C-alpha cells in the first residue's frame, strides 16, 4: 500500500486511467469486429464503409498509446487485405 500522499494519489489516478484505457480498448475491439462481421457476410461495400470508420478508431487509440502503432498497422493491413480478397 502507498505510504505518502503523493503515492496514494498516483494509485487513485492509475485506477481511473486503467478503466479509461479498458474502455478504449473495448471500443477498438468492437470496431474491428464490425469490419470482420461485414467481411464474413460477403458485403464488400458495407465492409469498406465499416473499415473507413474503424481506421480512425484504430489510429486514435494507437496515438494514445493504448496499443502499439505496429499493432494498429497490422490490424489495418489484415482487414484491408481481407476486404480486397472479397
C-alpha atoms as a PDB file:
ATOM      1  CA  UNK A   1       0.000   0.000   0.000  1.00  0.00           C
ATOM      2  CA  UNK A   2       1.133   3.526  -0.747  1.00  0.00           C
ATOM      3  CA  UNK A   3       2.555   5.397   2.228  1.00  0.00           C
ATOM      4  CA  UNK A   4       2.868   9.002   1.074  1.00  0.00           C
ATOM      5  CA  UNK A   5       0.024  11.238  -0.032  1.00  0.00           C
ATOM      6  CA  UNK A   6       1.620  11.528  -3.459  1.00  0.00           C
ATOM      7  CA  UNK A   7       1.779   7.756  -3.880  1.00  0.00           C
ATOM      8  CA  UNK A   8      -1.852   7.375  -2.775  1.00  0.00           C
ATOM      9  CA  UNK A   9      -2.935   9.975  -5.314  1.00  0.00           C
ATOM     10  CA  UNK A  10      -0.931   8.276  -8.084  1.00  0.00           C
ATOM     11  CA  UNK A  11      -2.583   4.960  -7.180  1.00  0.00           C
ATOM     12  CA  UNK A  12      -6.039   6.564  -7.466  1.00  0.00           C
ATOM     13  CA  UNK A  13      -5.116   8.154 -10.792  1.00  0.00           C
ATOM     14  CA  UNK A  14      -3.757   4.853 -12.094  1.00  0.00           C
ATOM     15  CA  UNK A  15      -7.054   3.098 -11.355  1.00  0.00           C
ATOM     16  CA  UNK A  16      -9.019   5.817 -13.138  1.00  0.00           C
ATOM     17  CA  UNK A  17      -6.690   5.783 -16.152  1.00  0.00           C
ATOM     18  CA  UNK A  18      -6.743   1.995 -16.346  1.00  0.00           C
ATOM     19  CA  UNK A  19     -10.555   1.914 -16.502  1.00  0.00           C
ATOM     20  CA  UNK A  20     -10.489   4.549 -19.249  1.00  0.00           C
ATOM     21  CA  UNK A  21      -7.919   2.563 -21.223  1.00  0.00           C
ATOM     22  CA  UNK A  22     -10.016  -0.603 -20.859  1.00  0.00           C
ATOM     23  CA  UNK A  23     -12.986   1.280 -22.286  1.00  0.00           C
ATOM     24  CA  UNK A  24     -10.953   2.493 -25.270  1.00  0.00           C
ATOM     25  CA  UNK A  25      -9.558  -0.998 -25.902  1.00  0.00           C
ATOM     26  CA  UNK A  26     -13.114  -2.338 -25.912  1.00  0.00           C
ATOM     27  CA  UNK A  27     -14.084   0.296 -28.494  1.00  0.00           C
ATOM     28  CA  UNK A  28     -11.162  -0.827 -30.641  1.00  0.00           C
ATOM     29  CA  UNK A  29     -12.188  -4.484 -30.486  1.00  0.00           C
ATOM     30  CA  UNK A  30     -15.791  -3.591 -31.349  1.00  0.00           C
ATOM     31  CA  UNK A  31     -14.675  -1.594 -34.393  1.00  0.00           C
ATOM     32  CA  UNK A  32     -12.534  -4.478 -35.637  1.00  0.00           C
ATOM     33  CA  UNK A  33     -15.343  -6.996 -35.079  1.00  0.00           C
ATOM     34  CA  UNK A  34     -17.784  -4.851 -37.086  1.00  0.00           C
ATOM     35  CA  UNK A  35     -15.458  -4.961 -40.088  1.00  0.00           C
ATOM     36  CA  UNK A  36     -14.865  -8.701 -39.692  1.00  0.00           C
ATOM     37  CA  UNK A  37     -18.597  -9.318 -39.494  1.00  0.00           C
ATOM     38  CA  UNK A  38     -19.158  -7.383 -42.725  1.00  0.00           C
ATOM     39  CA  UNK A  39     -16.348  -9.356 -44.396  1.00  0.00           C
ATOM     40  CA  UNK A  40     -17.870 -12.682 -43.295  1.00  0.00           C
ATOM     41  CA  UNK A  41     -21.234 -11.548 -44.659  1.00  0.00           C
ATOM     42  CA  UNK A  42     -19.500 -11.019 -48.005  1.00  0.00           C
ATOM     43  CA  UNK A  43     -20.768  -7.466 -48.469  1.00  0.00           C
ATOM     44  CA  UNK A  44     -17.816  -5.530 -49.859  1.00  0.00           C
ATOM     45  CA  UNK A  45     -19.368  -2.041 -49.803  1.00  0.00           C
ATOM     46  CA  UNK A  46     -20.513  -2.375 -46.191  1.00  0.00           C
ATOM     47  CA  UNK A  47     -17.118  -3.786 -45.255  1.00  0.00           C
ATOM     48  CA  UNK A  48     -15.353  -0.846 -46.903  1.00  0.00           C
ATOM     49  CA  UNK A  49     -17.560   1.677 -45.091  1.00  0.00           C
ATOM     50  CA  UNK A  50     -17.015  -0.034 -41.753  1.00  0.00           C
ATOM     51  CA  UNK A  51     -13.286  -0.192 -42.459  1.00  0.00           C
ATOM     52  CA  UNK A  52     -13.110   3.557 -43.122  1.00  0.00           C
ATOM     53  CA  UNK A  53     -14.819   4.257 -39.803  1.00  0.00           C
ATOM     54  CA  UNK A  54     -12.731   1.755 -37.865  1.00  0.00           C
ATOM     55  CA  UNK A  55      -9.450   3.086 -39.310  1.00  0.00           C
ATOM     56  CA  UNK A  56      -9.900   6.358 -37.453  1.00  0.00           C
ATOM     57  CA  UNK A  57     -10.731   4.496 -34.232  1.00  0.00           C
ATOM     58  CA  UNK A  58      -7.650   2.297 -34.594  1.00  0.00           C
ATOM     59  CA  UNK A  59      -5.381   5.269 -35.321  1.00  0.00           C
ATOM     60  CA  UNK A  60      -6.842   7.267 -32.437  1.00  0.00           C
ATOM     61  CA  UNK A  61      -6.187   4.514 -29.939  1.00  0.00           C
ATOM     62  CA  UNK A  62      -2.674   3.945 -31.281  1.00  0.00           C
ATOM     63  CA  UNK A  63      -1.953   7.680 -30.959  1.00  0.00           C
ATOM     64  CA  UNK A  64      -2.956   7.488 -27.300  1.00  0.00           C
ATOM     65  CA  UNK A  65      -0.515   4.569 -26.881  1.00  0.00           C
ATOM     66  CA  UNK A  66      -3.247   2.196 -25.722  1.00  0.00           C
ATOM     67  CA  UNK A  67      -1.924  -0.220 -28.351  1.00  0.00           C
ATOM     68  CA  UNK A  68       1.388  -0.103 -30.209  1.00  0.00           C
ATOM     69  CA  UNK A  69       1.429   1.650 -33.582  1.00  0.00           C
ATOM     70  CA  UNK A  70       2.680  -1.515 -35.278  1.00  0.00           C
ATOM     71  CA  UNK A  71      -0.239  -3.489 -33.876  1.00  0.00           C
ATOM     72  CA  UNK A  72      -2.604  -0.863 -35.244  1.00  0.00           C
ATOM     73  CA  UNK A  73      -0.903  -1.062 -38.641  1.00  0.00           C
ATOM     74  CA  UNK A  74      -1.133  -4.860 -38.572  1.00  0.00           C
ATOM     75  CA  UNK A  75      -4.879  -4.776 -37.868  1.00  0.00           C
ATOM     76  CA  UNK A  76      -5.496  -2.255 -40.627  1.00  0.00           C
ATOM     77  CA  UNK A  77      -3.376  -4.203 -43.100  1.00  0.00           C
ATOM     78  CA  UNK A  78      -5.096  -7.522 -42.424  1.00  0.00           C
ATOM     79  CA  UNK A  79      -8.577  -6.020 -42.586  1.00  0.00           C
ATOM     80  CA  UNK A  80      -7.722  -4.242 -45.825  1.00  0.00           C
ATOM     81  CA  UNK A  81      -6.339  -7.439 -47.370  1.00  0.00           C
ATOM     82  CA  UNK A  82      -9.464  -9.349 -46.357  1.00  0.00           C
ATOM     83  CA  UNK A  83     -11.670  -6.701 -47.974  1.00  0.00           C
ATOM     84  CA  UNK A  84      -9.617  -6.793 -51.169  1.00  0.00           C
ATOM     85  CA  UNK A  85      -9.958 -10.572 -51.265  1.00  0.00           C
ATOM     86  CA  UNK A  86     -13.783 -10.309 -51.399  1.00  0.00           C
END
